Structure formats: C-alpha cells, structure tokens
Amino acid sequence: MGTFNWEMESEKQWDSMAATWNSRSRAMWETGSRKDIVPLIKRFVPSTSTVCDLGCGDGTGSEKLAEAGYVVTGIDVSEEMLERARLNPRNENCNFKKGTLSDCGSPDNHFDAVMAINSIEWTNNPYESLKEMARILKPDGYACIGILGPTAKPRTYSFRRLYGEEVICNTIMPWELEKLALENGWSKAGEFGVFKKAAEQLPHGSLPIELQQSLSFMWIFMFQVIK
C-alpha cells in the first residue's frame, strides 16, 4: 500500500475539477454565494493594501480583490487552476504562485490581509494553515476565512474518513474554526452567513448565532491576528 500524499492527491483532484470550477466561479463571485465577501474585506482593509488569496483557484476572487484596489498574490496547490488564473487578462496585475495553506512560501509579516474562501478545510492540517496565516500577516492584520457550512454538499468529500481512509478534505464546523482561531491569538471582527434558498425563508436572523451557523451553506469570518 502506497503512502498517502495529501499535496499530490489534492493537486490531482483540483486539476481534474479546474474546467468545471472555472465555468461556475464568476457567477459565485458576482451574483452568488461569494458576492458579499470582498465588500466585507473593504470594511476592514484599506484599498492599496497587500492581500494574499490563499486557495485562489482560477483567480476570480483575486480579480475581484484587484478591482477593489488591492495588491494581490494568489496561491494554490493546483497548477491547472493557477494557469487559468494567469490566462485571465483581468489578472494582469496579480501575482500567482504554487503553494499550500500550511506552506505558502511568503515572508513573515508580509501581507496586510489574507482571504481563504472554502480552502482551509481542504488542507491536511487546518491548525497549521491558521498558524501560517498568522505568520505571513503583519501585526493586527486581517484574515477573511470562508468555510463550508453544515448544509453544503461538497462536505461529502470528507465522508470516507469515517472508514479510516485518508481524505483531502478535513470537515470542520464554523463554530470549530472560531474556537480554533480564538484559542490561538485571533479576535473576531465580523461574520455573516450564506444560506440555501430554503433556509432563507426562515427567520434565521432572530436565531442564536450557533443555530444560524448550523443552517448555513457557508460561513464567512473576519478575524484579526494579535501580535
């Protein structure tokens, strides 16, 4: 039996998904589940700041950050995704390079902010990824982290772990990520939930935050690192 190599398996998976992901990502960032993420970042991070898009995929999120006036570096494990990002003419002022969330290859205290949307759970060690974000951020820098909520179908990629198999997706609940961040020197500056249409019909705004998170398709946190 061969040794499981997370980075190799993850790159293989995302390379194979690059074409279908690329066909959907623009709608997600412009009118769908990710449309309110850059506006949240703009509330806390001044334009012209340096932002690292961790798990940038095909670079559509990086494009939106650059349009908002940020200096953007995108990092992803998939070379196929990175190639699509580089071929996007709207990304001519963005820098893209290969790396992982736990080893992105950037200097210490380098970025004003990081954005990691639906990527920290696709790592072999979310805790190490959070530490890497803290390392590359300047003192009091911000991290906008989006995590799949309990109702998100992509969480099924972690199902085989129940059989003891190694998987490329580490299922993590929104409240678990918050606890992990707070226990490791971060403070929470903001948050919001994204919900499926059926859940949008419910008065989730009046529910306790834990119940809102349990109904979410995705939960977006804005954390600040304290150094």
C-alpha atoms as a PDB file:
ATOM      1  CA  MET A   1       0.000   0.000   0.000  1.00  0.00           C
ATOM      2  CA  GLY A   2       1.434   3.370  -1.010  1.00  0.00           C
ATOM      3  CA  THR A   3       1.826   6.320   1.314  1.00  0.00           C
ATOM      4  CA  PHE A   4      -0.926   8.918   1.069  1.00  0.00           C
ATOM      5  CA  ASN A   5       0.497  12.225  -0.156  1.00  0.00           C
ATOM      6  CA  TRP A   6      -2.062  14.937   0.604  1.00  0.00           C
ATOM      7  CA  GLU A   7      -0.485  17.607  -1.596  1.00  0.00           C
ATOM      8  CA  MET A   8      -0.226  15.295  -4.603  1.00  0.00           C
ATOM      9  CA  GLU A   9      -3.765  13.952  -4.185  1.00  0.00           C
ATOM     10  CA  SER A  10      -5.184  17.427  -3.663  1.00  0.00           C
ATOM     11  CA  GLU A  11      -3.487  18.807  -6.759  1.00  0.00           C
ATOM     12  CA  LYS A  12      -4.754  15.854  -8.797  1.00  0.00           C
ATOM     13  CA  GLN A  13      -8.321  16.416  -7.578  1.00  0.00           C
ATOM     14  CA  TRP A  14      -8.354  20.177  -8.234  1.00  0.00           C
ATOM     15  CA  ASP A  15      -6.595  19.819 -11.589  1.00  0.00           C
ATOM     16  CA  SER A  16      -9.388  17.478 -12.680  1.00  0.00           C
ATOM     17  CA  MET A  17     -12.044  19.942 -11.459  1.00  0.00           C
ATOM     18  CA  ALA A  18     -10.461  23.074 -12.944  1.00  0.00           C
ATOM     19  CA  ALA A  19     -12.599  23.276 -16.091  1.00  0.00           C
ATOM     20  CA  THR A  20     -15.957  22.817 -14.358  1.00  0.00           C
ATOM     21  CA  TRP A  21     -14.961  25.113 -11.498  1.00  0.00           C
ATOM     22  CA  ASN A  22     -13.864  27.817 -13.898  1.00  0.00           C
ATOM     23  CA  SER A  23     -17.233  27.699 -15.649  1.00  0.00           C
ATOM     24  CA  ARG A  24     -19.064  28.465 -12.369  1.00  0.00           C
ATOM     25  CA  SER A  25     -16.748  30.656 -10.336  1.00  0.00           C
ATOM     26  CA  ARG A  26     -17.570  34.016 -11.917  1.00  0.00           C
ATOM     27  CA  ALA A  27     -21.267  33.640 -11.083  1.00  0.00           C
ATOM     28  CA  MET A  28     -20.389  32.728  -7.489  1.00  0.00           C
ATOM     29  CA  TRP A  29     -18.261  35.865  -7.050  1.00  0.00           C
ATOM     30  CA  GLU A  30     -20.549  38.275  -8.922  1.00  0.00           C
ATOM     31  CA  THR A  31     -24.098  37.230  -8.036  1.00  0.00           C
ATOM     32  CA  GLY A  32     -23.883  34.061  -5.942  1.00  0.00           C
ATOM     33  CA  SER A  33     -22.608  32.808  -2.607  1.00  0.00           C
ATOM     34  CA  ARG A  34     -19.360  34.829  -2.673  1.00  0.00           C
ATOM     35  CA  LYS A  35     -20.648  38.224  -3.828  1.00  0.00           C
ATOM     36  CA  ASP A  36     -20.526  39.838  -0.351  1.00  0.00           C
ATOM     37  CA  ILE A  37     -17.014  38.702   0.590  1.00  0.00           C
ATOM     38  CA  VAL A  38     -14.938  41.494  -0.959  1.00  0.00           C
ATOM     39  CA  PRO A  39     -17.366  44.148   0.386  1.00  0.00           C
ATOM     40  CA  LEU A  40     -16.744  42.691   3.877  1.00  0.00           C
ATOM     41  CA  ILE A  41     -12.991  42.923   3.379  1.00  0.00           C
ATOM     42  CA  LYS A  42     -13.331  46.542   2.246  1.00  0.00           C
ATOM     43  CA  ARG A  43     -14.953  47.390   5.597  1.00  0.00           C
ATOM     44  CA  PHE A  44     -11.744  46.479   7.443  1.00  0.00           C
ATOM     45  CA  VAL A  45      -8.846  46.627   4.972  1.00  0.00           C
ATOM     46  CA  PRO A  46      -7.979  49.887   3.142  1.00  0.00           C
ATOM     47  CA  SER A  47      -7.553  49.792  -0.638  1.00  0.00           C
ATOM     48  CA  THR A  48      -3.927  49.540  -1.890  1.00  0.00           C
ATOM     49  CA  SER A  49      -3.245  47.061   0.957  1.00  0.00           C
ATOM     50  CA  THR A  50      -1.472  43.782   0.179  1.00  0.00           C
ATOM     51  CA  VAL A  51      -3.776  40.749   0.233  1.00  0.00           C
ATOM     52  CA  CYS A  52      -2.906  37.064  -0.159  1.00  0.00           C
ATOM     53  CA  ASP A  53      -5.662  34.950  -1.725  1.00  0.00           C
ATOM     54  CA  LEU A  54      -4.973  31.535  -0.187  1.00  0.00           C
ATOM     55  CA  GLY A  55      -6.523  28.786  -2.262  1.00  0.00           C
ATOM     56  CA  CYS A  56      -7.151  31.206  -5.112  1.00  0.00           C
ATOM     57  CA  GLY A  57      -8.332  28.557  -7.586  1.00  0.00           C
ATOM     58  CA  ASP A  58      -8.912  30.064 -11.020  1.00  0.00           C
ATOM     59  CA  GLY A  59      -8.241  33.571  -9.673  1.00  0.00           C
ATOM     60  CA  THR A  60     -11.721  35.073  -9.920  1.00  0.00           C
ATOM     61  CA  GLY A  61     -11.616  36.105  -6.270  1.00  0.00           C
ATOM     62  CA  SER A  62      -8.165  37.588  -6.818  1.00  0.00           C
ATOM     63  CA  GLU A  63      -9.589  39.539  -9.740  1.00  0.00           C
ATOM     64  CA  LYS A  64     -12.323  40.982  -7.522  1.00  0.00           C
ATOM     65  CA  LEU A  65      -9.771  41.987  -4.897  1.00  0.00           C
ATOM     66  CA  ALA A  66      -7.628  43.719  -7.527  1.00  0.00           C
ATOM     67  CA  GLU A  67     -10.676  45.562  -8.876  1.00  0.00           C
ATOM     68  CA  ALA A  68     -11.241  46.848  -5.321  1.00  0.00           C
ATOM     69  CA  GLY A  69      -7.750  48.341  -5.333  1.00  0.00           C
ATOM     70  CA  TYR A  70      -5.741  45.685  -3.502  1.00  0.00           C
ATOM     71  CA  VAL A  71      -2.275  44.385  -4.384  1.00  0.00           C
ATOM     72  CA  VAL A  72      -2.956  40.661  -4.756  1.00  0.00           C
ATOM     73  CA  THR A  73      -0.914  37.472  -4.535  1.00  0.00           C
ATOM     74  CA  GLY A  74      -2.823  34.264  -5.273  1.00  0.00           C
ATOM     75  CA  ILE A  75      -1.611  30.889  -4.011  1.00  0.00           C
ATOM     76  CA  ASP A  76      -2.997  27.476  -4.907  1.00  0.00           C
ATOM     77  CA  VAL A  77      -1.927  23.829  -4.876  1.00  0.00           C
ATOM     78  CA  SER A  78      -3.289  23.183  -8.396  1.00  0.00           C
ATOM     79  CA  GLU A  79      -1.110  24.155 -11.344  1.00  0.00           C
ATOM     80  CA  GLU A  80      -4.099  23.794 -13.665  1.00  0.00           C
ATOM     81  CA  MET A  81      -6.080  26.300 -11.594  1.00  0.00           C
ATOM     82  CA  LEU A  82      -3.124  28.685 -11.490  1.00  0.00           C
ATOM     83  CA  GLU A  83      -2.729  28.527 -15.254  1.00  0.00           C
ATOM     84  CA  ARG A  84      -6.349  29.572 -15.697  1.00  0.00           C
ATOM     85  CA  ALA A  85      -5.786  32.439 -13.252  1.00  0.00           C
ATOM     86  CA  ARG A  86      -2.726  33.644 -15.162  1.00  0.00           C
ATOM     87  CA  LEU A  87      -4.538  33.461 -18.512  1.00  0.00           C
ATOM     88  CA  ASN A  88      -7.297  35.776 -17.274  1.00  0.00           C
ATOM     89  CA  PRO A  89      -6.440  39.213 -18.759  1.00  0.00           C
ATOM     90  CA  ARG A  90      -8.158  40.878 -15.790  1.00  0.00           C
ATOM     91  CA  ASN A  91      -5.474  39.406 -13.534  1.00  0.00           C
ATOM     92  CA  GLU A  92      -2.521  41.090 -15.231  1.00  0.00           C
ATOM     93  CA  ASN A  93      -1.629  42.955 -12.039  1.00  0.00           C
ATOM     94  CA  CYS A  94      -1.966  39.913  -9.770  1.00  0.00           C
ATOM     95  CA  ASN A  95       0.887  37.573  -8.874  1.00  0.00           C
ATOM     96  CA  PHE A  96       0.183  33.840  -8.758  1.00  0.00           C
ATOM     97  CA  LYS A  97       2.369  31.085  -7.363  1.00  0.00           C
ATOM     98  CA  LYS A  98       2.071  27.486  -6.279  1.00  0.00           C
ATOM     99  CA  GLY A  99       1.912  26.635  -2.601  1.00  0.00           C
ATOM    100  CA  THR A 100      -0.276  25.274   0.165  1.00  0.00           C
ATOM    101  CA  LEU A 101      -2.083  26.981   3.018  1.00  0.00           C
ATOM    102  CA  SER A 102       0.349  25.468   5.507  1.00  0.00           C
ATOM    103  CA  ASP A 103       3.433  26.359   3.444  1.00  0.00           C
ATOM    104  CA  CYS A 104       2.770  29.265   1.085  1.00  0.00           C
ATOM    105  CA  GLY A 105       6.387  30.366   0.698  1.00  0.00           C
ATOM    106  CA  SER A 106       5.776  34.024   1.622  1.00  0.00           C
ATOM    107  CA  PRO A 107       7.937  36.023   4.060  1.00  0.00           C
ATOM    108  CA  ASP A 108       6.975  36.685   7.673  1.00  0.00           C
ATOM    109  CA  ASN A 109       4.799  39.752   8.400  1.00  0.00           C
ATOM    110  CA  HIS A 110       4.327  40.384   4.683  1.00  0.00           C
ATOM    111  CA  PHE A 111       0.596  40.912   3.999  1.00  0.00           C
ATOM    112  CA  ASP A 112      -1.980  43.322   5.372  1.00  0.00           C
ATOM    113  CA  ALA A 113      -4.713  40.711   4.921  1.00  0.00           C
ATOM    114  CA  VAL A 114      -5.393  37.196   3.698  1.00  0.00           C
ATOM    115  CA  MET A 115      -8.501  35.757   2.097  1.00  0.00           C
ATOM    116  CA  ALA A 116      -9.137  32.000   2.286  1.00  0.00           C
ATOM    117  CA  ILE A 117     -12.542  31.012   0.924  1.00  0.00           C
ATOM    118  CA  ASN A 118     -13.556  27.359   1.179  1.00  0.00           C
ATOM    119  CA  SER A 119      -9.903  26.386   1.348  1.00  0.00           C
ATOM    120  CA  ILE A 120      -8.845  25.848   4.972  1.00  0.00           C
ATOM    121  CA  GLU A 121     -10.981  22.708   5.189  1.00  0.00           C
ATOM    122  CA  TRP A 122      -9.249  21.410   2.040  1.00  0.00           C
ATOM    123  CA  THR A 123      -5.922  21.087   3.864  1.00  0.00           C
ATOM    124  CA  ASN A 124      -4.226  18.235   5.647  1.00  0.00           C
ATOM    125  CA  ASN A 125      -3.994  20.299   8.850  1.00  0.00           C
ATOM    126  CA  PRO A 126      -6.307  23.312   9.382  1.00  0.00           C
ATOM    127  CA  TYR A 127      -4.433  24.271  12.559  1.00  0.00           C
ATOM    128  CA  GLU A 128      -1.121  24.537  10.698  1.00  0.00           C
ATOM    129  CA  SER A 129      -2.855  26.568   7.984  1.00  0.00           C
ATOM    130  CA  LEU A 130      -4.147  29.028  10.566  1.00  0.00           C
ATOM    131  CA  LYS A 131      -0.629  29.360  12.000  1.00  0.00           C
ATOM    132  CA  GLU A 132       0.736  30.026   8.503  1.00  0.00           C
ATOM    133  CA  MET A 133      -1.796  32.814   8.015  1.00  0.00           C
ATOM    134  CA  ALA A 134      -0.686  34.399  11.288  1.00  0.00           C
ATOM    135  CA  ARG A 135       2.948  34.097  10.234  1.00  0.00           C
ATOM    136  CA  ILE A 136       2.581  35.914   6.911  1.00  0.00           C
ATOM    137  CA  LEU A 137       0.281  38.636   8.257  1.00  0.00           C
ATOM    138  CA  LYS A 138       1.561  41.941   9.555  1.00  0.00           C
ATOM    139  CA  PRO A 139       0.742  42.768  13.198  1.00  0.00           C
ATOM    140  CA  ASP A 140      -3.011  43.391  13.559  1.00  0.00           C
ATOM    141  CA  GLY A 141      -3.597  42.081  10.017  1.00  0.00           C
ATOM    142  CA  TYR A 142      -6.923  40.598   8.962  1.00  0.00           C
ATOM    143  CA  ALA A 143      -7.960  37.169   7.722  1.00  0.00           C
ATOM    144  CA  CYS A 144     -11.243  36.690   5.864  1.00  0.00           C
ATOM    145  CA  ILE A 145     -11.960  32.957   6.071  1.00  0.00           C
ATOM    146  CA  GLY A 146     -14.969  31.307   4.463  1.00  0.00           C
ATOM    147  CA  ILE A 147     -15.826  27.769   5.498  1.00  0.00           C
ATOM    148  CA  LEU A 148     -18.408  25.329   4.166  1.00  0.00           C
ATOM    149  CA  GLY A 149     -21.475  25.205   6.397  1.00  0.00           C
ATOM    150  CA  PRO A 150     -23.272  22.029   7.538  1.00  0.00           C
ATOM    151  CA  THR A 151     -25.712  22.158   4.581  1.00  0.00           C
ATOM    152  CA  ALA A 152     -23.013  22.364   1.867  1.00  0.00           C
ATOM    153  CA  LYS A 153     -22.877  19.350  -0.429  1.00  0.00           C
ATOM    154  CA  PRO A 154     -19.067  19.488  -1.016  1.00  0.00           C
ATOM    155  CA  ARG A 155     -18.616  18.303   2.577  1.00  0.00           C
ATOM    156  CA  THR A 156     -19.281  14.801   1.218  1.00  0.00           C
ATOM    157  CA  TYR A 157     -15.641  14.739   0.069  1.00  0.00           C
ATOM    158  CA  SER A 158     -14.661  14.051   3.676  1.00  0.00           C
ATOM    159  CA  PHE A 159     -17.112  11.155   4.154  1.00  0.00           C
ATOM    160  CA  ARG A 160     -14.596   8.351   3.564  1.00  0.00           C
ATOM    161  CA  ARG A 161     -12.687   9.400   6.708  1.00  0.00           C
ATOM    162  CA  LEU A 162     -15.408   7.513   8.618  1.00  0.00           C
ATOM    163  CA  TYR A 163     -13.927   4.317   7.174  1.00  0.00           C
ATOM    164  CA  GLY A 164     -10.457   5.322   8.354  1.00  0.00           C
ATOM    165  CA  GLU A 165      -9.371   6.410   4.899  1.00  0.00           C
ATOM    166  CA  GLU A 166      -7.196   9.467   4.383  1.00  0.00           C
ATOM    167  CA  VAL A 167      -9.009  12.239   2.527  1.00  0.00           C
ATOM    168  CA  ILE A 168      -8.094  15.630   1.054  1.00  0.00           C
ATOM    169  CA  CYS A 169     -10.980  17.425   2.801  1.00  0.00           C
ATOM    170  CA  ASN A 170     -10.983  17.934   6.575  1.00  0.00           C
ATOM    171  CA  THR A 171     -14.576  18.589   7.600  1.00  0.00           C
ATOM    172  CA  ILE A 172     -14.696  21.445  10.094  1.00  0.00           C
ATOM    173  CA  MET A 173     -17.740  23.213  11.528  1.00  0.00           C
ATOM    174  CA  PRO A 174     -17.955  27.029  11.641  1.00  0.00           C
ATOM    175  CA  TRP A 175     -18.005  27.027  15.454  1.00  0.00           C
ATOM    176  CA  GLU A 176     -14.940  24.780  15.475  1.00  0.00           C
ATOM    177  CA  LEU A 177     -12.989  27.187  13.278  1.00  0.00           C
ATOM    178  CA  GLU A 178     -13.990  30.093  15.511  1.00  0.00           C
ATOM    179  CA  LYS A 179     -12.848  28.254  18.626  1.00  0.00           C
ATOM    180  CA  LEU A 180      -9.572  27.258  16.945  1.00  0.00           C
ATOM    181  CA  ALA A 181      -8.897  30.859  15.946  1.00  0.00           C
ATOM    182  CA  LEU A 182      -9.775  32.371  19.321  1.00  0.00           C
ATOM    183  CA  GLU A 183      -7.640  29.826  21.176  1.00  0.00           C
ATOM    184  CA  ASN A 184      -4.652  30.775  19.027  1.00  0.00           C
ATOM    185  CA  GLY A 185      -4.470  34.522  19.439  1.00  0.00           C
ATOM    186  CA  TRP A 186      -7.048  35.821  16.959  1.00  0.00           C
ATOM    187  CA  SER A 187     -10.016  38.083  17.635  1.00  0.00           C
ATOM    188  CA  LYS A 188     -13.285  38.040  15.680  1.00  0.00           C
ATOM    189  CA  ALA A 189     -14.008  41.317  13.911  1.00  0.00           C
ATOM    190  CA  GLY A 190     -17.030  40.335  11.804  1.00  0.00           C
ATOM    191  CA  GLU A 191     -19.023  37.474  10.282  1.00  0.00           C
ATOM    192  CA  PHE A 192     -22.008  36.614   8.129  1.00  0.00           C
ATOM    193  CA  GLY A 193     -23.765  33.526   6.826  1.00  0.00           C
ATOM    194  CA  VAL A 194     -24.755  32.383   3.341  1.00  0.00           C
ATOM    195  CA  PHE A 195     -27.866  30.220   3.157  1.00  0.00           C
ATOM    196  CA  LYS A 196     -29.611  27.990   0.662  1.00  0.00           C
ATOM    197  CA  LYS A 197     -32.924  29.258  -0.695  1.00  0.00           C
ATOM    198  CA  ALA A 198     -34.986  27.037   1.599  1.00  0.00           C
ATOM    199  CA  ALA A 199     -33.170  28.318   4.690  1.00  0.00           C
ATOM    200  CA  GLU A 200     -33.506  31.907   3.508  1.00  0.00           C
ATOM    201  CA  GLN A 201     -37.260  31.583   4.066  1.00  0.00           C
ATOM    202  CA  LEU A 202     -36.651  31.009   7.781  1.00  0.00           C
ATOM    203  CA  PRO A 203     -36.262  33.891  10.264  1.00  0.00           C
ATOM    204  CA  HIS A 204     -32.645  32.916  10.878  1.00  0.00           C
ATOM    205  CA  GLY A 205     -31.721  36.478  11.796  1.00  0.00           C
ATOM    206  CA  SER A 206     -33.622  36.069  15.064  1.00  0.00           C
ATOM    207  CA  LEU A 207     -31.902  32.776  15.937  1.00  0.00           C
ATOM    208  CA  PRO A 208     -28.814  32.424  18.159  1.00  0.00           C
ATOM    209  CA  ILE A 209     -25.608  32.552  16.118  1.00  0.00           C
ATOM    210  CA  GLU A 210     -24.918  28.822  16.701  1.00  0.00           C
ATOM    211  CA  LEU A 211     -28.261  27.900  15.124  1.00  0.00           C
ATOM    212  CA  GLN A 212     -27.677  30.282  12.221  1.00  0.00           C
ATOM    213  CA  GLN A 213     -24.331  28.578  11.603  1.00  0.00           C
ATOM    214  CA  SER A 214     -25.969  25.149  11.704  1.00  0.00           C
ATOM    215  CA  LEU A 215     -28.305  26.206   8.860  1.00  0.00           C
ATOM    216  CA  SER A 216     -25.607  27.797   6.732  1.00  0.00           C
ATOM    217  CA  PHE A 217     -24.279  26.801   3.332  1.00  0.00           C
ATOM    218  CA  MET A 218     -21.169  28.861   4.058  1.00  0.00           C
ATOM    219  CA  TRP A 219     -19.996  30.985   6.966  1.00  0.00           C
ATOM    220  CA  ILE A 220     -17.642  33.932   6.497  1.00  0.00           C
ATOM    221  CA  PHE A 221     -15.433  35.136   9.354  1.00  0.00           C
ATOM    222  CA  MET A 222     -13.258  38.212   9.593  1.00  0.00           C
ATOM    223  CA  PHE A 223     -10.509  37.584  12.128  1.00  0.00           C
ATOM    224  CA  GLN A 224      -7.709  39.875  13.253  1.00  0.00           C
ATOM    225  CA  VAL A 225      -4.367  38.484  14.345  1.00  0.00           C
ATOM    226  CA  ILE A 226      -2.950  39.944  17.537  1.00  0.00           C
ATOM    227  CA  LYS A 227       0.861  40.092  17.623  1.00  0.00           C
END
